[in-house]
Amino acid sequence: MMQTINVLVVEDNEYYNNLILNALQQSIHFMQKKLNFRLILHSFTDSFDCIRKIESRIFKNNDIVAFVDQNLGNGVYGNQIIGLLKKGNNNTLAVLLSQSRAGDEKCIHNNYDFFILKDIFAPALCRLYLDQYIENKFL
């Protein structure tokens, strides 16, 4: 049976969300040809929609790689989303994205695995983290 990896991009800025998605799609085409797995991309610009999907347990029993913005608006923060993901699935790699390193330092509950400062290199770093996760999992 083919293993499924769900990749979530949770970013309320639609433009930045698309930048990250485009970078990650390059990994999909390159890696899936070489290895036997199914990678499914999920894009969320609405944090409440993301929370509903997580709570529906749609991602249960699959690996998850999540790229989550720190400040999602409407009083929702990236650490909340990451907490829900990790609570429901032990096979979650979470990357927190933020425009400010100060936001990272203020977080008491740092439940993410990696932190990326949102700059011109961030989409490429997201792709590298996904590539590394896939290589560690299948090679």
N, C-alpha and C. Protein backbone atom coordinates (compact mmCIF):
# COMPACT_ATOMS: atom_id res chain seq x y z
N MET A 1 0.83 -1.19 0.00
CA MET A 1 0.00 0.00 0.00
C MET A 1 0.88 1.25 0.00
N MET A 2 0.50 2.22 -0.79
CA MET A 2 1.28 3.45 -0.92
C MET A 2 1.04 4.35 0.30
N GLN A 3 2.12 4.86 0.85
CA GLN A 3 2.04 5.74 2.00
C GLN A 3 1.64 7.15 1.55
N THR A 4 0.80 7.81 2.36
CA THR A 4 0.33 9.16 2.05
C THR A 4 0.97 10.17 2.98
N ILE A 5 1.44 11.26 2.41
CA ILE A 5 1.95 12.39 3.18
C ILE A 5 1.09 13.59 2.84
N ASN A 6 0.45 14.16 3.86
CA ASN A 6 -0.34 15.38 3.69
C ASN A 6 0.55 16.57 3.99
N VAL A 7 0.61 17.49 3.06
CA VAL A 7 1.39 18.72 3.23
C VAL A 7 0.39 19.86 3.36
N LEU A 8 0.45 20.55 4.49
CA LEU A 8 -0.46 21.66 4.74
C LEU A 8 0.29 22.98 4.68
N VAL A 9 -0.27 23.92 3.97
CA VAL A 9 0.23 25.29 3.97
C VAL A 9 -0.89 26.13 4.56
N VAL A 10 -0.63 26.67 5.76
CA VAL A 10 -1.64 27.46 6.46
C VAL A 10 -1.08 28.89 6.55
N GLU A 11 -1.50 29.71 5.63
CA GLU A 11 -1.00 31.08 5.50
C GLU A 11 -2.15 31.96 5.03
N ASP A 12 -2.50 32.96 5.83
CA ASP A 12 -3.67 33.78 5.49
C ASP A 12 -3.41 34.75 4.34
N ASN A 13 -2.16 35.04 4.03
CA ASN A 13 -1.84 35.90 2.89
C ASN A 13 -1.84 35.03 1.64
N GLU A 14 -2.81 35.24 0.76
CA GLU A 14 -2.99 34.38 -0.41
C GLU A 14 -1.76 34.38 -1.33
N TYR A 15 -1.16 35.52 -1.51
CA TYR A 15 0.02 35.62 -2.36
C TYR A 15 1.16 34.77 -1.78
N TYR A 16 1.43 34.92 -0.50
CA TYR A 16 2.53 34.18 0.13
C TYR A 16 2.20 32.69 0.18
N ASN A 17 0.95 32.36 0.39
CA ASN A 17 0.49 30.97 0.38
C ASN A 17 0.84 30.34 -0.98
N ASN A 18 0.54 31.05 -2.06
CA ASN A 18 0.83 30.54 -3.40
C ASN A 18 2.32 30.42 -3.66
N LEU A 19 3.12 31.34 -3.15
CA LEU A 19 4.57 31.23 -3.30
C LEU A 19 5.09 29.93 -2.69
N ILE A 20 4.62 29.64 -1.50
CA ILE A 20 5.06 28.42 -0.81
C ILE A 20 4.57 27.19 -1.56
N LEU A 21 3.29 27.20 -1.96
CA LEU A 21 2.74 26.06 -2.70
C LEU A 21 3.53 25.78 -3.98
N ASN A 22 3.86 26.83 -4.71
CA ASN A 22 4.62 26.64 -5.96
C ASN A 22 5.99 26.03 -5.69
N ALA A 23 6.64 26.45 -4.63
CA ALA A 23 7.94 25.87 -4.28
C ALA A 23 7.79 24.39 -3.90
N LEU A 24 6.74 24.07 -3.15
CA LEU A 24 6.53 22.68 -2.71
C LEU A 24 6.14 21.77 -3.86
N GLN A 25 5.41 22.29 -4.83
CA GLN A 25 5.01 21.47 -5.98
C GLN A 25 6.21 21.00 -6.78
N GLN A 26 7.28 21.75 -6.77
CA GLN A 26 8.50 21.33 -7.45
C GLN A 26 9.06 20.07 -6.80
N SER A 27 8.93 19.95 -5.48
CA SER A 27 9.38 18.74 -4.78
C SER A 27 8.53 17.55 -5.17
N ILE A 28 7.25 17.77 -5.29
CA ILE A 28 6.33 16.68 -5.59
C ILE A 28 6.70 16.01 -6.90
N HIS A 29 6.84 16.79 -7.94
CA HIS A 29 7.11 16.21 -9.26
C HIS A 29 8.46 15.51 -9.31
N PHE A 30 9.44 16.07 -8.67
CA PHE A 30 10.78 15.49 -8.68
C PHE A 30 10.84 14.21 -7.85
N MET A 31 10.30 14.25 -6.63
CA MET A 31 10.45 13.14 -5.69
C MET A 31 9.50 11.98 -5.98
N GLN A 32 8.27 12.26 -6.39
CA GLN A 32 7.31 11.17 -6.58
C GLN A 32 7.71 10.24 -7.70
N LYS A 33 8.46 10.74 -8.65
CA LYS A 33 8.91 9.88 -9.74
C LYS A 33 9.90 8.84 -9.25
N LYS A 34 10.67 9.18 -8.22
CA LYS A 34 11.72 8.29 -7.72
C LYS A 34 11.25 7.35 -6.61
N LEU A 35 10.27 7.80 -5.81
CA LEU A 35 9.88 7.04 -4.62
C LEU A 35 8.41 6.68 -4.65
N ASN A 36 8.03 5.68 -3.87
CA ASN A 36 6.66 5.19 -3.88
C ASN A 36 5.86 5.78 -2.71
N PHE A 37 5.28 6.94 -2.93
CA PHE A 37 4.41 7.57 -1.94
C PHE A 37 3.46 8.52 -2.66
N ARG A 38 2.43 8.90 -1.96
CA ARG A 38 1.46 9.85 -2.48
C ARG A 38 1.52 11.09 -1.61
N LEU A 39 1.76 12.22 -2.23
CA LEU A 39 1.84 13.47 -1.50
C LEU A 39 0.64 14.33 -1.89
N ILE A 40 -0.11 14.79 -0.89
CA ILE A 40 -1.29 15.60 -1.14
C ILE A 40 -1.09 16.97 -0.52
N LEU A 41 -1.20 18.02 -1.34
CA LEU A 41 -1.07 19.39 -0.87
C LEU A 41 -2.43 19.94 -0.44
N HIS A 42 -2.45 20.58 0.71
CA HIS A 42 -3.65 21.25 1.23
C HIS A 42 -3.28 22.70 1.51
N SER A 43 -4.04 23.62 0.96
CA SER A 43 -3.78 25.03 1.15
C SER A 43 -4.93 25.66 1.93
N PHE A 44 -4.57 26.42 2.97
CA PHE A 44 -5.58 27.10 3.79
C PHE A 44 -5.21 28.57 3.95
N THR A 45 -6.11 29.45 3.54
CA THR A 45 -5.96 30.86 3.83
C THR A 45 -6.90 31.26 4.97
N ASP A 46 -7.85 30.40 5.28
CA ASP A 46 -8.81 30.62 6.38
C ASP A 46 -8.46 29.66 7.51
N SER A 47 -8.01 30.20 8.63
CA SER A 47 -7.57 29.35 9.75
C SER A 47 -8.71 28.52 10.31
N PHE A 48 -9.94 29.04 10.29
CA PHE A 48 -11.08 28.29 10.81
C PHE A 48 -11.40 27.08 9.93
N ASP A 49 -11.22 27.23 8.63
CA ASP A 49 -11.40 26.11 7.72
C ASP A 49 -10.37 25.02 8.02
N CYS A 50 -9.14 25.43 8.27
CA CYS A 50 -8.08 24.49 8.62
C CYS A 50 -8.41 23.75 9.91
N ILE A 51 -8.86 24.48 10.91
CA ILE A 51 -9.21 23.87 12.20
C ILE A 51 -10.33 22.85 12.02
N ARG A 52 -11.34 23.17 11.22
CA ARG A 52 -12.45 22.23 10.97
C ARG A 52 -11.92 20.94 10.33
N LYS A 53 -11.02 21.08 9.36
CA LYS A 53 -10.45 19.89 8.70
C LYS A 53 -9.65 19.04 9.68
N ILE A 54 -8.87 19.69 10.52
CA ILE A 54 -8.07 18.94 11.50
C ILE A 54 -8.99 18.21 12.47
N GLU A 55 -10.00 18.91 12.96
CA GLU A 55 -10.92 18.30 13.92
C GLU A 55 -11.78 17.20 13.30
N SER A 56 -11.94 17.21 11.98
CA SER A 56 -12.69 16.14 11.31
C SER A 56 -11.87 14.86 11.22
N ARG A 57 -10.59 14.96 11.59
CA ARG A 57 -9.66 13.84 11.62
C ARG A 57 -9.37 13.28 10.22
N ILE A 58 -9.47 14.13 9.23
CA ILE A 58 -9.20 13.74 7.84
C ILE A 58 -7.74 13.36 7.63
N PHE A 59 -6.86 13.89 8.46
CA PHE A 59 -5.42 13.63 8.31
C PHE A 59 -4.94 12.49 9.20
N LYS A 60 -5.83 11.87 9.93
CA LYS A 60 -5.46 10.81 10.87
C LYS A 60 -4.79 9.65 10.12
N ASN A 61 -3.80 9.07 10.74
CA ASN A 61 -3.07 7.90 10.24
C ASN A 61 -2.22 8.17 9.01
N ASN A 62 -1.98 9.42 8.69
CA ASN A 62 -1.08 9.77 7.60
C ASN A 62 0.00 10.69 8.15
N ASP A 63 1.14 10.69 7.48
CA ASP A 63 2.18 11.64 7.85
C ASP A 63 1.74 13.04 7.45
N ILE A 64 2.16 14.03 8.23
CA ILE A 64 1.80 15.42 7.96
C ILE A 64 3.07 16.27 8.03
N VAL A 65 3.22 17.13 7.03
CA VAL A 65 4.23 18.17 7.06
C VAL A 65 3.44 19.47 6.93
N ALA A 66 3.54 20.32 7.96
CA ALA A 66 2.74 21.54 8.00
C ALA A 66 3.62 22.78 8.03
N PHE A 67 3.31 23.72 7.16
CA PHE A 67 3.97 25.02 7.12
C PHE A 67 2.92 26.03 7.55
N VAL A 68 3.10 26.59 8.75
CA VAL A 68 2.03 27.37 9.38
C VAL A 68 2.54 28.77 9.74
N ASP A 69 1.78 29.77 9.30
CA ASP A 69 2.09 31.16 9.64
C ASP A 69 1.83 31.38 11.13
N GLN A 70 2.67 32.19 11.77
CA GLN A 70 2.51 32.46 13.21
C GLN A 70 1.24 33.25 13.51
N ASN A 71 0.97 34.29 12.75
CA ASN A 71 -0.19 35.13 13.03
C ASN A 71 -1.20 34.98 11.89
N LEU A 72 -2.27 34.23 12.16
CA LEU A 72 -3.26 33.92 11.13
C LEU A 72 -4.47 34.85 11.16
N GLY A 73 -4.47 35.82 12.04
CA GLY A 73 -5.61 36.73 12.14
C GLY A 73 -6.77 36.11 12.89
N ASN A 74 -7.78 36.91 13.18
CA ASN A 74 -8.98 36.46 13.90
C ASN A 74 -8.66 35.81 15.24
N GLY A 75 -7.55 36.18 15.84
CA GLY A 75 -7.18 35.63 17.14
C GLY A 75 -6.62 34.22 17.10
N VAL A 76 -6.29 33.73 15.93
CA VAL A 76 -5.74 32.38 15.78
C VAL A 76 -4.25 32.50 15.49
N TYR A 77 -3.47 31.68 16.18
CA TYR A 77 -2.02 31.69 16.02
C TYR A 77 -1.53 30.32 15.57
N GLY A 78 -0.40 30.34 14.89
CA GLY A 78 0.17 29.12 14.34
C GLY A 78 0.40 28.03 15.35
N ASN A 79 0.81 28.40 16.57
CA ASN A 79 1.04 27.38 17.59
C ASN A 79 -0.24 26.64 17.96
N GLN A 80 -1.39 27.29 17.83
CA GLN A 80 -2.66 26.61 18.10
C GLN A 80 -2.92 25.54 17.04
N ILE A 81 -2.70 25.90 15.79
CA ILE A 81 -2.90 24.94 14.69
C ILE A 81 -1.93 23.77 14.84
N ILE A 82 -0.68 24.08 15.12
CA ILE A 82 0.33 23.03 15.28
C ILE A 82 -0.02 22.12 16.45
N GLY A 83 -0.49 22.70 17.54
CA GLY A 83 -0.91 21.90 18.69
C GLY A 83 -2.01 20.92 18.34
N LEU A 84 -2.99 21.37 17.57
CA LEU A 84 -4.09 20.47 17.14
C LEU A 84 -3.56 19.36 16.24
N LEU A 85 -2.67 19.71 15.34
CA LEU A 85 -2.11 18.70 14.44
C LEU A 85 -1.33 17.64 15.20
N LYS A 86 -0.47 18.08 16.10
CA LYS A 86 0.37 17.13 16.85
C LYS A 86 -0.45 16.31 17.85
N LYS A 87 -1.50 16.89 18.37
CA LYS A 87 -2.37 16.16 19.30
C LYS A 87 -3.08 15.00 18.58
N GLY A 88 -3.46 15.24 17.34
CA GLY A 88 -4.19 14.23 16.59
C GLY A 88 -3.32 13.27 15.80
N ASN A 89 -2.02 13.57 15.67
CA ASN A 89 -1.17 12.74 14.84
C ASN A 89 0.29 12.87 15.27
N ASN A 90 0.87 11.77 15.70
CA ASN A 90 2.27 11.77 16.15
C ASN A 90 3.26 11.95 15.01
N ASN A 91 2.82 11.69 13.78
CA ASN A 91 3.70 11.77 12.62
C ASN A 91 3.60 13.13 11.95
N THR A 92 3.76 14.18 12.74
CA THR A 92 3.63 15.55 12.22
C THR A 92 4.96 16.29 12.34
N LEU A 93 5.38 16.85 11.22
CA LEU A 93 6.52 17.76 11.21
C LEU A 93 5.93 19.15 11.00
N ALA A 94 6.20 20.06 11.92
CA ALA A 94 5.61 21.40 11.86
C ALA A 94 6.68 22.46 11.72
N VAL A 95 6.47 23.34 10.75
CA VAL A 95 7.38 24.45 10.49
C VAL A 95 6.58 25.74 10.70
N LEU A 96 7.03 26.57 11.62
CA LEU A 96 6.38 27.84 11.91
C LEU A 96 7.01 28.93 11.06
N LEU A 97 6.17 29.73 10.40
CA LEU A 97 6.62 30.84 9.57
C LEU A 97 6.25 32.15 10.26
N SER A 98 7.17 33.09 10.28
CA SER A 98 6.86 34.38 10.90
C SER A 98 7.66 35.49 10.23
N GLN A 99 7.08 36.67 10.22
CA GLN A 99 7.78 37.84 9.67
C GLN A 99 8.78 38.40 10.67
N SER A 100 8.67 37.98 11.92
CA SER A 100 9.51 38.55 12.96
C SER A 100 10.11 37.46 13.84
N ARG A 101 11.38 37.56 14.07
CA ARG A 101 12.02 36.63 14.99
C ARG A 101 11.59 36.91 16.42
N ALA A 102 11.15 38.13 16.69
CA ALA A 102 10.69 38.49 18.03
C ALA A 102 9.46 37.68 18.40
N GLY A 103 8.59 37.40 17.45
CA GLY A 103 7.41 36.58 17.72
C GLY A 103 7.78 35.17 18.14
N ASP A 104 8.84 34.65 17.55
CA ASP A 104 9.33 33.32 17.89
C ASP A 104 9.85 33.29 19.31
N GLU A 105 10.57 34.31 19.71
CA GLU A 105 11.17 34.34 21.04
C GLU A 105 10.13 34.51 22.13
N LYS A 106 8.99 35.15 21.82
CA LYS A 106 7.96 35.39 22.82
C LYS A 106 7.08 34.17 23.08
N CYS A 107 7.08 33.22 22.16
CA CYS A 107 6.21 32.05 22.30
C CYS A 107 6.67 31.17 23.46
N ILE A 108 5.74 30.90 24.36
CA ILE A 108 6.05 30.04 25.50
C ILE A 108 5.94 28.58 25.09
N HIS A 109 4.93 28.28 24.29
CA HIS A 109 4.65 26.90 23.90
C HIS A 109 5.17 26.64 22.49
N ASN A 110 6.46 26.54 22.36
CA ASN A 110 7.06 26.28 21.06
C ASN A 110 6.94 24.80 20.75
N ASN A 111 5.85 24.44 20.07
CA ASN A 111 5.60 23.04 19.76
C ASN A 111 5.91 22.70 18.30
N TYR A 112 6.62 23.58 17.63
CA TYR A 112 6.98 23.35 16.24
C TYR A 112 8.38 22.73 16.18
N ASP A 113 8.71 22.17 15.02
CA ASP A 113 10.00 21.52 14.84
C ASP A 113 11.05 22.47 14.27
N PHE A 114 10.61 23.36 13.39
CA PHE A 114 11.51 24.32 12.76
C PHE A 114 10.84 25.68 12.67
N PHE A 115 11.67 26.71 12.59
CA PHE A 115 11.19 28.08 12.45
C PHE A 115 11.81 28.69 11.21
N ILE A 116 10.99 29.34 10.37
CA ILE A 116 11.49 30.02 9.18
C ILE A 116 11.05 31.47 9.23
N LEU A 117 12.01 32.35 9.10
CA LEU A 117 11.72 33.77 9.00
C LEU A 117 11.23 34.04 7.58
N LYS A 118 10.09 34.70 7.46
CA LYS A 118 9.50 34.96 6.15
C LYS A 118 10.29 36.07 5.44
N ASP A 119 11.14 35.64 4.53
CA ASP A 119 11.91 36.55 3.69
C ASP A 119 11.95 35.95 2.29
N ILE A 120 12.81 36.43 1.44
CA ILE A 120 12.82 35.93 0.06
C ILE A 120 13.26 34.47 -0.06
N PHE A 121 13.91 33.96 0.97
CA PHE A 121 14.39 32.58 0.94
C PHE A 121 13.40 31.58 1.54
N ALA A 122 12.36 32.06 2.19
CA ALA A 122 11.44 31.18 2.92
C ALA A 122 10.79 30.10 2.05
N PRO A 123 10.25 30.41 0.86
CA PRO A 123 9.67 29.33 0.05
C PRO A 123 10.68 28.23 -0.28
N ALA A 124 11.91 28.63 -0.61
CA ALA A 124 12.95 27.64 -0.91
C ALA A 124 13.29 26.81 0.32
N LEU A 125 13.32 27.43 1.49
CA LEU A 125 13.58 26.68 2.73
C LEU A 125 12.45 25.70 3.02
N CYS A 126 11.22 26.10 2.75
CA CYS A 126 10.09 25.18 2.92
C CYS A 126 10.27 23.95 2.05
N ARG A 127 10.67 24.18 0.81
CA ARG A 127 10.91 23.06 -0.10
C ARG A 127 12.03 22.17 0.42
N LEU A 128 13.09 22.76 0.92
CA LEU A 128 14.20 21.96 1.45
C LEU A 128 13.76 21.11 2.64
N TYR A 129 12.95 21.68 3.53
CA TYR A 129 12.46 20.90 4.68
C TYR A 129 11.59 19.74 4.21
N LEU A 130 10.74 19.99 3.22
CA LEU A 130 9.92 18.91 2.69
C LEU A 130 10.77 17.84 2.02
N ASP A 131 11.73 18.25 1.20
CA ASP A 131 12.63 17.29 0.55
C ASP A 131 13.37 16.44 1.58
N GLN A 132 13.88 17.09 2.62
CA GLN A 132 14.61 16.37 3.66
C GLN A 132 13.71 15.38 4.39
N TYR A 133 12.49 15.79 4.69
CA TYR A 133 11.53 14.90 5.36
C TYR A 133 11.27 13.66 4.51
N ILE A 134 11.04 13.87 3.22
CA ILE A 134 10.76 12.75 2.31
C ILE A 134 11.99 11.83 2.20
N GLU A 135 13.15 12.41 2.05
CA GLU A 135 14.37 11.60 1.94
C GLU A 135 14.60 10.79 3.22
N ASN A 136 14.41 11.39 4.38
CA ASN A 136 14.58 10.67 5.64
C ASN A 136 13.55 9.54 5.79
N LYS A 137 12.38 9.75 5.26
CA LYS A 137 11.29 8.78 5.40
C LYS A 137 11.46 7.59 4.45
N PHE A 138 11.97 7.84 3.24
CA PHE A 138 11.96 6.80 2.22
C PHE A 138 13.33 6.32 1.75
N LEU A 139 14.39 6.99 2.14
CA LEU A 139 15.72 6.54 1.68
C LEU A 139 16.53 5.95 2.80
